PDB file of N, CA and C in Angstrom:
ATOM      1  N   MET A   1      55.130  28.726 135.031  1.00  0.00           N
ATOM      2  CA  MET A   1      56.546  28.548 135.600  1.00  0.00           C
ATOM      3  C   MET A   1      55.630  26.392 135.359  1.00  0.00           C
ATOM      4  N   SER A   2      56.091  25.636 135.026  1.00  0.00           N
ATOM      5  CA  SER A   2      55.472  24.265 135.132  1.00  0.00           C
ATOM      6  C   SER A   2      56.450  23.359 136.173  1.00  0.00           C
ATOM      7  N   GLU A   3      55.615  22.169 136.440  1.00  0.00           N
ATOM      8  CA  GLU A   3      56.318  21.358 137.214  1.00  0.00           C
ATOM      9  C   GLU A   3      55.964  20.253 136.595  1.00  0.00           C
ATOM     10  N   ALA A   4      57.085  19.621 136.788  1.00  0.00           N
ATOM     11  CA  ALA A   4      57.463  17.808 136.420  1.00  0.00           C
ATOM     12  C   ALA A   4      57.745  17.100 137.580  1.00  0.00           C
ATOM     13  N   THR A   5      56.526  15.828 137.917  1.00  0.00           N
ATOM     14  CA  THR A   5      57.044  14.968 138.736  1.00  0.00           C
ATOM     15  C   THR A   5      57.383  13.943 138.260  1.00  0.00           C
ATOM     16  N   ILE A   6      58.971  13.603 139.083  1.00  0.00           N
ATOM     17  CA  ILE A   6      59.856  12.546 138.379  1.00  0.00           C
ATOM     18  C   ILE A   6      60.069  11.804 139.571  1.00  0.00           C
ATOM     19  N   LEU A   7      60.372  10.276 139.513  1.00  0.00           N
ATOM     20  CA  LEU A   7      60.688   9.361 140.726  1.00  0.00           C
ATOM     21  C   LEU A   7      62.123   9.411 140.412  1.00  0.00           C
ATOM     22  N   SER A   8      62.727   8.649 141.492  1.00  0.00           N
ATOM     23  CA  SER A   8      64.059   8.838 141.578  1.00  0.00           C
ATOM     24  C   SER A   8      64.097   7.638 141.566  1.00  0.00           C
ATOM     25  N   ARG A   9      65.500   6.774 141.732  1.00  0.00           N
ATOM     26  CA  ARG A   9      65.837   5.400 141.974  1.00  0.00           C
ATOM     27  C   ARG A   9      65.069   4.810 143.324  1.00  0.00           C
ATOM     28  N   GLY A  10      65.001   5.470 144.123  1.00  0.00           N
ATOM     29  CA  GLY A  10      64.790   4.586 145.726  1.00  0.00           C
ATOM     30  C   GLY A  10      63.191   4.670 145.618  1.00  0.00           C
ATOM     31  N   GLY A  11      62.292   5.317 144.689  1.00  0.00           N
ATOM     32  CA  GLY A  11      61.256   5.772 144.733  1.00  0.00           C
ATOM     33  C   GLY A  11      60.693   6.808 145.627  1.00  0.00           C
ATOM     34  N   ARG A  12      61.316   8.044 145.984  1.00  0.00           N
ATOM     35  CA  ARG A  12      60.835   9.236 146.206  1.00  0.00           C
ATOM     36  C   ARG A  12      60.467   9.895 145.082  1.00  0.00           C
ATOM     37  N   ARG A  13      59.379  10.568 145.632  1.00  0.00           N
ATOM     38  CA  ARG A  13      59.011  11.428 144.447  1.00  0.00           C
ATOM     39  C   ARG A  13      60.056  12.612 144.577  1.00  0.00           C
ATOM     40  N   VAL A  14      60.573  13.414 143.677  1.00  0.00           N
ATOM     41  CA  VAL A  14      61.146  14.294 143.596  1.00  0.00           C
ATOM     42  C   VAL A  14      60.572  15.450 142.385  1.00  0.00           C
ATOM     43  N   GLU A  15      60.300  16.637 142.577  1.00  0.00           N
ATOM     44  CA  GLU A  15      59.193  17.378 142.114  1.00  0.00           C
ATOM     45  C   GLU A  15      60.420  18.143 141.269  1.00  0.00           C
ATOM     46  N   LYS A  16      60.689  18.534 139.864  1.00  0.00           N
ATOM     47  CA  LYS A  16      61.558  19.365 139.035  1.00  0.00           C
ATOM     48  C   LYS A  16      60.653  20.441 138.555  1.00  0.00           C
ATOM     49  N   ARG A  17      61.209  21.738 138.906  1.00  0.00           N
ATOM     50  CA  ARG A  17      60.435  23.022 138.535  1.00  0.00           C
ATOM     51  C   ARG A  17      61.375  23.436 137.286  1.00  0.00           C
ATOM     52  N   ILE A  18      60.109  23.738 136.524  1.00  0.00           N
ATOM     53  CA  ILE A  18      60.771  24.826 135.218  1.00  0.00           C
ATOM     54  C   ILE A  18      60.625  25.432 135.179  1.00  0.00           C
ATOM     55  N   ARG A  19      61.357  27.259 135.284  1.00  0.00           N
ATOM     56  CA  ARG A  19      61.124  28.446 134.901  1.00  0.00           C
ATOM     57  C   ARG A  19      61.363  29.113 133.305  1.00  0.00           C
ATOM     58  N   THR A  20      60.918  29.271 132.589  1.00  0.00           N
ATOM     59  CA  THR A  20      61.175  29.971 131.648  1.00  0.00           C
ATOM     60  C   THR A  20      60.340  31.852 131.617  1.00  0.00           C
ATOM     61  N   GLU A  21      61.837  32.373 131.650  1.00  0.00           N
ATOM     62  CA  GLU A  21      61.539  34.117 131.265  1.00  0.00           C
ATOM     63  C   GLU A  21      61.557  34.001 129.951  1.00  0.00           C
ATOM     64  N   CYS A  22      61.102  35.200 129.073  1.00  0.00           N
ATOM     65  CA  CYS A  22      60.875  35.731 127.730  1.00  0.00           C
ATOM     66  C   CYS A  22      61.342  37.404 128.361  1.00  0.00           C
ATOM     67  N   SER A  23      61.812  38.014 127.262  1.00  0.00           N
ATOM     68  CA  SER A  23      61.679  39.223 127.551  1.00  0.00           C
ATOM     69  C   SER A  23      61.848  39.582 125.741  1.00  0.00           C
ATOM     70  N   VAL A  24      61.180  40.924 125.910  1.00  0.00           N
ATOM     71  CA  VAL A  24      60.847  41.183 124.602  1.00  0.00           C
ATOM     72  C   VAL A  24      61.240  42.753 124.993  1.00  0.00           C
ATOM     73  N   GLU A  25      62.283  43.223 123.113  1.00  0.00           N
ATOM     74  CA  GLU A  25      62.347  44.489 123.005  1.00  0.00           C
ATOM     75  C   GLU A  25      61.678  45.250 121.928  1.00  0.00           C
ATOM     76  N   ILE A  26      61.147  46.292 121.975  1.00  0.00           N
ATOM     77  CA  ILE A  26      60.393  46.823 120.877  1.00  0.00           C
ATOM     78  C   ILE A  26      61.022  48.384 120.209  1.00  0.00           C
ATOM     79  N   ASP A  27      61.481  48.485 119.119  1.00  0.00           N
ATOM     80  CA  ASP A  27      62.021  49.530 119.007  1.00  0.00           C
ATOM     81  C   ASP A  27      60.723  49.939 117.392  1.00  0.00           C
ATOM     82  N   ASP A  28      60.130  51.449 118.013  1.00  0.00           N
ATOM     83  CA  ASP A  28      59.743  51.750 116.978  1.00  0.00           C
ATOM     84  C   ASP A  28      60.654  52.330 115.777  1.00  0.00           C
ATOM     85  N   VAL A  29      59.953  52.533 114.535  1.00  0.00           N
ATOM     86  CA  VAL A  29      60.829  53.023 113.559  1.00  0.00           C
ATOM     87  C   VAL A  29      59.638  53.508 112.904  1.00  0.00           C
ATOM     88  N   LEU A  30      59.808  55.375 112.120  1.00  0.00           N
ATOM     89  CA  LEU A  30      58.711  55.866 111.770  1.00  0.00           C
ATOM     90  C   LEU A  30      59.754  56.273 110.707  1.00  0.00           C
ATOM     91  N   VAL A  31      59.612  55.898 109.374  1.00  0.00           N
ATOM     92  CA  VAL A  31      60.153  56.759 107.914  1.00  0.00           C
ATOM     93  C   VAL A  31      58.989  57.751 107.650  1.00  0.00           C
ATOM     94  N   ILE A  32      59.699  58.939 107.668  1.00  0.00           N
ATOM     95  CA  ILE A  32      58.709  60.065 106.386  1.00  0.00           C
ATOM     96  C   ILE A  32      59.544  60.317 105.365  1.00  0.00           C
ATOM     97  N   GLN A  33      58.940  60.177 104.281  1.00  0.00           N
ATOM     98  CA  GLN A  33      59.337  60.359 102.976  1.00  0.00           C
ATOM     99  C   GLN A  33      59.062  62.339 102.763  1.00  0.00           C
ATOM    100  N   ARG A  34      59.733  62.682 102.393  1.00  0.00           N
ATOM    101  CA  ARG A  34      58.826  64.467 101.642  1.00  0.00           C
ATOM    102  C   ARG A  34      58.195  64.201 100.442  1.00  0.00           C
ATOM    103  N   LEU A  35      57.024  63.980 100.655  1.00  0.00           N
ATOM    104  CA  LEU A  35      55.936  64.162  99.315  1.00  0.00           C
ATOM    105  C   LEU A  35      55.102  65.090  99.447  1.00  0.00           C
ATOM    106  N   GLY A  36      55.889  66.453  99.528  1.00  0.00           N
ATOM    107  CA  GLY A  36      55.084  67.439  99.865  1.00  0.00           C
ATOM    108  C   GLY A  36      54.437  67.582 101.305  1.00  0.00           C
ATOM    109  N   ARG A  37      54.576  67.238 101.832  1.00  0.00           N
ATOM    110  CA  ARG A  37      53.888  67.498 103.132  1.00  0.00           C
ATOM    111  C   ARG A  37      54.927  67.910 104.696  1.00  0.00           C
ATOM    112  N   SER A  38      56.328  67.871 104.076  1.00  0.00           N
ATOM    113  CA  SER A  38      57.654  68.257 104.889  1.00  0.00           C
ATOM    114  C   SER A  38      58.235  69.156 103.965  1.00  0.00           C
ATOM    115  N   VAL A  39      58.526  70.089 104.272  1.00  0.00           N
ATOM    116  CA  VAL A  39      59.415  70.993 103.372  1.00  0.00           C
ATOM    117  C   VAL A  39      60.620  72.036 104.277  1.00  0.00           C
ATOM    118  N   GLU A  40      61.649  72.407 103.990  1.00  0.00           N
ATOM    119  CA  GLU A  40      62.966  73.009 104.447  1.00  0.00           C
ATOM    120  C   GLU A  40      62.135  74.243 104.085  1.00  0.00           C
ATOM    121  N   GLY A  41      62.121  75.433 105.347  1.00  0.00           N
ATOM    122  CA  GLY A  41      62.064  77.014 105.211  1.00  0.00           C
ATOM    123  C   GLY A  41      62.408  77.155 105.999  1.00  0.00           C
ATOM    124  N   TRP A  42      61.807  78.555 106.215  1.00  0.00           N
ATOM    125  CA  TRP A  42      62.546  79.459 106.644  1.00  0.00           C
ATOM    126  C   TRP A  42      61.676  79.647 108.089  1.00  0.00           C
ATOM    127  N   CYS A  43      62.479  79.651 109.196  1.00  0.00           N
ATOM    128  CA  CYS A  43      62.005  79.528 110.325  1.00  0.00           C
ATOM    129  C   CYS A  43      62.191  80.689 111.175  1.00  0.00           C
ATOM    130  N   ALA A  44      61.375  81.941 110.962  1.00  0.00           N
ATOM    131  CA  ALA A  44      61.365  82.970 111.913  1.00  0.00           C
ATOM    132  C   ALA A  44      62.064  83.114 113.265  1.00  0.00           C
ATOM    133  N   ASP A  45      61.546  82.168 114.048  1.00  0.00           N
ATOM    134  CA  ASP A  45      61.849  82.390 115.658  1.00  0.00           C
ATOM    135  C   ASP A  45      62.915  81.639 115.295  1.00  0.00           C
ATOM    136  N   CYS A  46      63.317  80.714 115.061  1.00  0.00           N
ATOM    137  CA  CYS A  46      64.394  80.085 114.677  1.00  0.00           C
ATOM    138  C   CYS A  46      65.463  81.226 114.171  1.00  0.00           C
ATOM    139  N   GLY A  47      65.375  81.710 113.603  1.00  0.00           N
ATOM    140  CA  GLY A  47      66.186  83.055 112.861  1.00  0.00           C
ATOM    141  C   GLY A  47      66.976  81.740 111.744  1.00  0.00           C
ATOM    142  N   GLY A  48      66.759  81.359 111.178  1.00  0.00           N
ATOM    143  CA  GLY A  48      67.378  79.884 109.872  1.00  0.00           C
ATOM    144  C   GLY A  48      66.235  79.304 109.201  1.00  0.00           C
ATOM    145  N   THR A  49      66.518  77.952 108.352  1.00  0.00           N
ATOM    146  CA  THR A  49      65.709  77.181 107.791  1.00  0.00           C
ATOM    147  C   THR A  49      65.931  76.226 108.543  1.00  0.00           C
ATOM    148  N   ALA A  50      64.565  75.162 108.633  1.00  0.00           N
ATOM    149  CA  ALA A  50      64.293  74.346 109.299  1.00  0.00           C
ATOM    150  C   ALA A  50      63.550  73.498 108.330  1.00  0.00           C
ATOM    151  N   THR A  51      62.904  72.659 109.168  1.00  0.00           N
ATOM    152  CA  THR A  51      62.041  71.209 108.568  1.00  0.00           C
ATOM    153  C   THR A  51      60.931  71.949 109.358  1.00  0.00           C
ATOM    154  N   LEU A  52      59.754  71.887 107.935  1.00  0.00           N
ATOM    155  CA  LEU A  52      58.261  72.421 108.722  1.00  0.00           C
ATOM    156  C   LEU A  52      57.410  71.611 108.212  1.00  0.00           C
ATOM    157  N   VAL A  53      56.520  70.599 108.737  1.00  0.00           N
ATOM    158  CA  VAL A  53      55.452  69.851 108.445  1.00  0.00           C
ATOM    159  C   VAL A  53      54.116  70.716 109.019  1.00  0.00           C
ATOM    160  N   THR A  54      53.218  69.660 108.361  1.00  0.00           N
ATOM    161  CA  THR A  54      51.780  69.733 108.705  1.00  0.00           C
ATOM    162  C   THR A  54      51.654  69.393 110.381  1.00  0.00           C
ATOM    163  N   PRO A  55      50.487  70.185 111.116  1.00  0.00           N
ATOM    164  CA  PRO A  55      50.349  69.788 112.310  1.00  0.00           C
ATOM    165  C   PRO A  55      50.304  67.957 112.808  1.00  0.00           C
ATOM    166  N   GLU A  56      49.152  67.428 111.539  1.00  0.00           N
ATOM    167  CA  GLU A  56      49.060  66.062 111.659  1.00  0.00           C
ATOM    168  C   GLU A  56      50.067  65.439 111.731  1.00  0.00           C
ATOM    169  N   ASP A  57      51.438  65.725 110.610  1.00  0.00           N
ATOM    170  CA  ASP A  57      52.728  64.449 110.708  1.00  0.00           C
ATOM    171  C   ASP A  57      53.095  64.755 112.012  1.00  0.00           C
ATOM    172  N   GLY A  58      53.357  66.196 112.561  1.00  0.00           N
ATOM    173  CA  GLY A  58      54.046  66.750 113.916  1.00  0.00           C
ATOM    174  C   GLY A  58      53.559  65.830 114.488  1.00  0.00           C
ATOM    175  N   ALA A  59      52.165  65.777 115.109  1.00  0.00           N
ATOM    176  CA  ALA A  59      51.465  65.112 116.261  1.00  0.00           C
ATOM    177  C   ALA A  59      51.771  63.585 116.132  1.00  0.00           C
ATOM    178  N   THR A  60      52.261  62.742 114.609  1.00  0.00           N
ATOM    179  CA  THR A  60      52.376  61.598 114.504  1.00  0.00           C
ATOM    180  C   THR A  60      53.751  61.452 115.079  1.00  0.00           C
ATOM    181  N   LEU A  61      55.102  62.349 114.594  1.00  0.00           N
ATOM    182  CA  LEU A  61      56.515  62.297 114.942  1.00  0.00           C
ATOM    183  C   LEU A  61      56.591  62.461 116.569  1.00  0.00           C
ATOM    184  N   VAL A  62      55.775  63.073 117.255  1.00  0.00           N
ATOM    185  CA  VAL A  62      55.798  63.331 118.659  1.00  0.00           C
ATOM    186  C   VAL A  62      54.610  62.585 119.398  1.00  0.00           C
ATOM    187  N   ARG A  63      54.037  61.565 119.141  1.00  0.00           N
ATOM    188  CA  ARG A  63      53.344  60.230 119.457  1.00  0.00           C
ATOM    189  C   ARG A  63      52.363  61.603 120.246  1.00  0.00           C
ATOM    190  N   THR A  64      51.312  62.388 119.753  1.00  0.00           N
ATOM    191  CA  THR A  64      50.516  62.933 120.354  1.00  0.00           C
ATOM    192  C   THR A  64      49.006  62.946 119.184  1.00  0.00           C
ATOM    193  N   GLY A  65      48.091  63.882 119.582  1.00  0.00           N
ATOM    194  CA  GLY A  65      46.826  64.010 118.997  1.00  0.00           C
ATOM    195  C   GLY A  65      46.951  65.444 118.313  1.00  0.00           C
ATOM    196  N   ALA A  66      46.380  65.840 116.892  1.00  0.00           N
ATOM    197  CA  ALA A  66      46.797  66.744 115.954  1.00  0.00           C
ATOM    198  C   ALA A  66      45.945  68.247 117.133  1.00  0.00           C
ATOM    199  N   ARG A  67      45.347  67.674 117.568  1.00  0.00           N
ATOM    200  CA  ARG A  67      44.963  69.026 118.813  1.00  0.00           C
ATOM    201  C   ARG A  67      45.751  69.294 119.849  1.00  0.00           C
ATOM    202  N   SER A  68      46.611  68.741 120.086  1.00  0.00           N
ATOM    203  CA  SER A  68      47.310  69.025 121.034  1.00  0.00           C
ATOM    204  C   SER A  68      48.683  70.126 120.345  1.00  0.00           C
ATOM    205  N   ILE A  69      48.370  69.210 119.030  1.00  0.00           N
ATOM    206  CA  ILE A  69      50.098  70.851 118.075  1.00  0.00           C
ATOM    207  C   ILE A  69      48.878  71.885 117.818  1.00  0.00           C
ATOM    208  N   TYR A  70      47.436  71.772 117.647  1.00  0.00           N
ATOM    209  CA  TYR A  70      47.047  73.034 117.566  1.00  0.00           C
ATOM    210  C   TYR A  70      46.798  73.976 118.821  1.00  0.00           C
ATOM    211  N   ARG A  71      46.420  73.402 120.111  1.00  0.00           N
ATOM    212  CA  ARG A  71      46.775  74.339 120.964  1.00  0.00           C
ATOM    213  C   ARG A  71      48.237  74.286 121.444  1.00  0.00           C
ATOM    214  N   LEU A  72      49.481  73.880 121.071  1.00  0.00           N
ATOM    215  CA  LEU A  72      50.518  74.384 121.646  1.00  0.00           C
ATOM    216  C   LEU A  72      50.876  75.610 120.589  1.00  0.00           C
ATOM    217  N   ILE A  73      50.018  75.479 119.020  1.00  0.00           N
ATOM    218  CA  ILE A  73      49.792  77.116 118.190  1.00  0.00           C
ATOM    219  C   ILE A  73      49.422  77.916 118.971  1.00  0.00           C
ATOM    220  N   GLU A  74      47.890  77.656 119.370  1.00  0.00           N
ATOM    221  CA  GLU A  74      47.325  78.949 120.081  1.00  0.00           C
ATOM    222  C   GLU A  74      47.879  79.203 121.103  1.00  0.00           C
ATOM    223  N   LEU A  75      48.395  78.785 121.716  1.00  0.00           N
ATOM    224  CA  LEU A  75      49.597  79.254 122.940  1.00  0.00           C
ATOM    225  C   LEU A  75      50.449  79.850 122.877  1.00  0.00           C
ATOM    226  N   ASP A  76      50.759  80.158 121.117  1.00  0.00           N
ATOM    227  CA  ASP A  76      52.340  80.283 120.710  1.00  0.00           C
ATOM    228  C   ASP A  76      53.398  79.800 121.400  1.00  0.00           C
ATOM    229  N   GLU A  77      53.562  78.210 121.823  1.00  0.00           N
ATOM    230  CA  GLU A  77      54.730  77.769 122.784  1.00  0.00           C
ATOM    231  C   GLU A  77      55.593  77.062 121.489  1.00  0.00           C
ATOM    232  N   ILE A  78      54.916  76.727 120.265  1.00  0.00           N
ATOM    233  CA  ILE A  78      55.774  75.865 119.244  1.00  0.00           C
ATOM    234  C   ILE A  78      56.093  77.050 117.977  1.00  0.00           C
ATOM    235  N   HIS A  79      56.825  77.203 117.173  1.00  0.00           N
ATOM    236  CA  HIS A  79      57.272  77.989 115.925  1.00  0.00           C
ATOM    237  C   HIS A  79      56.250  77.352 115.132  1.00  0.00           C
ATOM    238  N   TRP A  80      55.456  78.173 114.154  1.00  0.00           N
ATOM    239  CA  TRP A  80      54.310  78.087 113.110  1.00  0.00           C
ATOM    240  C   TRP A  80      54.434  79.249 112.458  1.00  0.00           C
ATOM    241  N   THR A  81      54.002  78.752 110.832  1.00  0.00           N
ATOM    242  CA  THR A  81      54.015  79.773 109.966  1.00  0.00           C
ATOM    243  C   THR A  81      52.912  79.074 109.260  1.00  0.00           C
ATOM    244  N   GLU A  82      52.804  80.161 108.333  1.00  0.00           N
ATOM    245  CA  GLU A  82      51.100  80.088 107.439  1.00  0.00           C
ATOM    246  C   GLU A  82      51.766  79.823 106.039  1.00  0.00           C
ATOM    247  N   ALA A  83      51.809  79.360 105.058  1.00  0.00           N
ATOM    248  CA  ALA A  83      52.193  78.983 103.734  1.00  0.00           C
ATOM    249  C   ALA A  83      51.236  79.489 102.896  1.00  0.00           C
ATOM    250  N   PRO A  84      51.453  79.938 101.658  1.00  0.00           N
ATOM    251  CA  PRO A  84      50.160  79.982 100.523  1.00  0.00           C
ATOM    252  C   PRO A  84      49.276  78.869 100.602  1.00  0.00           C
ATOM    253  N   GLY A  85      47.900  79.230 100.554  1.00  0.00           N
ATOM    254  CA  GLY A  85      46.723  78.467 100.429  1.00  0.00           C
ATOM    255  C   GLY A  85      46.310  78.263 101.633  1.00  0.00           C
ATOM    256  N   ASN A  86      46.680  79.401 102.565  1.00  0.00           N
ATOM    257  CA  ASN A  86      46.498  78.765 103.886  1.00  0.00           C
ATOM    258  C   ASN A  86      46.838  77.616 105.017  1.00  0.00           C
ATOM    259  N   LEU A  87      48.121  77.071 104.057  1.00  0.00           N
ATOM    260  CA  LEU A  87      48.556  75.887 105.160  1.00  0.00           C
ATOM    261  C   LEU A  87      49.590  76.117 105.955  1.00  0.00           C
ATOM    262  N   LEU A  88      48.659  75.405 106.864  1.00  0.00           N
ATOM    263  CA  LEU A  88      49.635  75.278 108.596  1.00  0.00           C
ATOM    264  C   LEU A  88      50.645  74.976 108.403  1.00  0.00           C
ATOM    265  N   LEU A  89      52.014  74.911 108.777  1.00  0.00           N
ATOM    266  CA  LEU A  89      53.211  74.243 109.282  1.00  0.00           C
ATOM    267  C   LEU A  89      53.625  74.621 110.465  1.00  0.00           C
ATOM    268  N   VAL A  90      54.288  74.098 110.761  1.00  0.00           N
ATOM    269  CA  VAL A  90      54.916  73.655 112.121  1.00  0.00           C
ATOM    270  C   VAL A  90      56.416  73.856 112.245  1.00  0.00           C
ATOM    271  N   CYS A  91      57.488  73.954 112.906  1.00  0.00           N
ATOM    272  CA  CYS A  91      58.673  73.856 112.864  1.00  0.00           C
ATOM    273  C   CYS A  91      58.906  72.778 113.763  1.00  0.00           C
ATOM    274  N   LEU A  92      59.819  71.651 113.164  1.00  0.00           N
ATOM    275  CA  LEU A  92      59.906  70.665 113.520  1.00  0.00           C
ATOM    276  C   LEU A  92      60.901  70.407 114.775  1.00  0.00           C
ATOM    277  N   SER A  93      61.966  71.490 114.994  1.00  0.00           N
ATOM    278  CA  SER A  93      62.211  71.530 115.811  1.00  0.00           C
ATOM    279  C   SER A  93      62.133  71.877 117.385  1.00  0.00           C
ATOM    280  N   SER A  94      61.040  73.022 116.966  1.00  0.00           N
ATOM    281  CA  SER A  94      60.228  73.564 118.144  1.00  0.00           C
ATOM    282  C   SER A  94      59.776  72.854 118.590  1.00  0.00           C
ATOM    283  N   LEU A  95      59.255  71.881 117.718  1.00  0.00           N
ATOM    284  CA  LEU A  95      58.014  71.240 118.592  1.00  0.00           C
ATOM    285  C   LEU A  95      58.870  69.721 118.877  1.00  0.00           C
ATOM    286  N   VAL A  96      59.802  68.974 118.608  1.00  0.00           N
ATOM    287  CA  VAL A  96      60.447  68.231 119.465  1.00  0.00           C
ATOM    288  C   VAL A  96      61.051  68.755 120.707  1.00  0.00           C
ATOM    289  N   GLU A  97      61.603  69.943 120.498  1.00  0.00           N
ATOM    290  CA  GLU A  97      62.056  70.562 122.102  1.00  0.00           C
ATOM    291  C   GLU A  97      61.024  70.517 122.809  1.00  0.00           C
ATOM    292  N   LYS A  98      59.728  71.118 122.532  1.00  0.00           N
ATOM    293  CA  LYS A  98      58.851  71.284 123.530  1.00  0.00           C
ATOM    294  C   LYS A  98      58.375  69.887 123.958  1.00  0.00           C
ATOM    295  N   SER A  99      58.178  68.793 123.237  1.00  0.00           N
ATOM    296  CA  SER A  99      57.738  67.554 123.520  1.00  0.00           C
ATOM    297  C   SER A  99      58.185  66.795 124.029  1.00  0.00           C
ATOM    298  N   GLY A 100      59.573  66.989 124.640  1.00  0.00           N
ATOM    299  CA  GLY A 100      60.755  66.188 125.052  1.00  0.00           C
ATOM    300  C   GLY A 100      61.245  65.465 123.794  1.00  0.00           C
ATOM    301  N   HIS A 101      60.688  64.982 123.032  1.00  0.00           N
ATOM    302  CA  HIS A 101      61.041  63.621 122.418  1.00  0.00           C
ATOM    303  C   HIS A 101      62.792  63.954 121.500  1.00  0.00           C
ATOM    304  N   THR A 102      63.743  63.065 120.933  1.00  0.00           N
ATOM    305  CA  THR A 102      64.607  62.845 120.585  1.00  0.00           C
ATOM    306  C   THR A 102      64.118  62.196 119.096  1.00  0.00           C
ATOM    307  N   LEU A 103      64.518  62.697 118.320  1.00  0.00           N
ATOM    308  CA  LEU A 103      64.295  62.186 116.655  1.00  0.00           C
ATOM    309  C   LEU A 103      65.239  62.322 116.192  1.00  0.00           C
ATOM    310  N   ARG A 104      65.540  60.981 115.398  1.00  0.00           N
ATOM    311  CA  ARG A 104      66.781  60.675 114.884  1.00  0.00           C
ATOM    312  C   ARG A 104      66.600  60.607 113.073  1.00  0.00           C
ATOM    313  N   TRP A 105      67.389  61.602 112.150  1.00  0.00           N
ATOM    314  CA  TRP A 105      66.997  61.536 110.670  1.00  0.00           C
ATOM    315  C   TRP A 105      68.140  61.081 110.017  1.00  0.00           C
ATOM    316  N   LYS A 106      67.838  60.580 108.731  1.00  0.00           N
ATOM    317  CA  LYS A 106      69.231  60.141 108.045  1.00  0.00           C
ATOM    318  C   LYS A 106      69.174  61.426 106.778  1.00  0.00           C
ATOM    319  N   GLU A 107      69.966  61.825 106.785  1.00  0.00           N
ATOM    320  CA  GLU A 107      69.606  62.852 105.451  1.00  0.00           C
ATOM    321  C   GLU A 107      69.914  61.964 104.034  1.00  0.00           C
ATOM    322  N   GLU A 108      68.886  62.621 103.147  1.00  0.00           N
ATOM    323  CA  GLU A 108      69.188  61.968 102.152  1.00  0.00           C
ATOM    324  C   GLU A 108      70.335  62.398 101.450  1.00  0.00           C
ATOM    325  N   VAL A 109      70.791  61.359 100.815  1.00  0.00           N
ATOM    326  CA  VAL A 109      72.126  61.565  99.556  1.00  0.00           C
ATOM    327  C   VAL A 109      71.490  61.789  98.497  1.00  0.00           C
TER     328      VAL A 109
END
């Protein structure tokens, strides 16, 4: 808050206070392009097709560390599968559900 001193016509000292408020709103947008790091595949636990991502990409999406994702896998709390070449993939739907986050995505045209 800033203050300014002003003299009125009668010579009286009058203080004028100026208050400025600023508010900032931040929306985070994370764009994931399918470059072989996420695939549409079969999730046996969901019983249908699902988006499968690496634990590292899943961690980025739900704003946590990769170790947390591996811990959920070890506790069998999220759906996961092992792809050829020992590539571990997690079901994005089960990960989002477990994390409590809401993800919105735009389907490719």
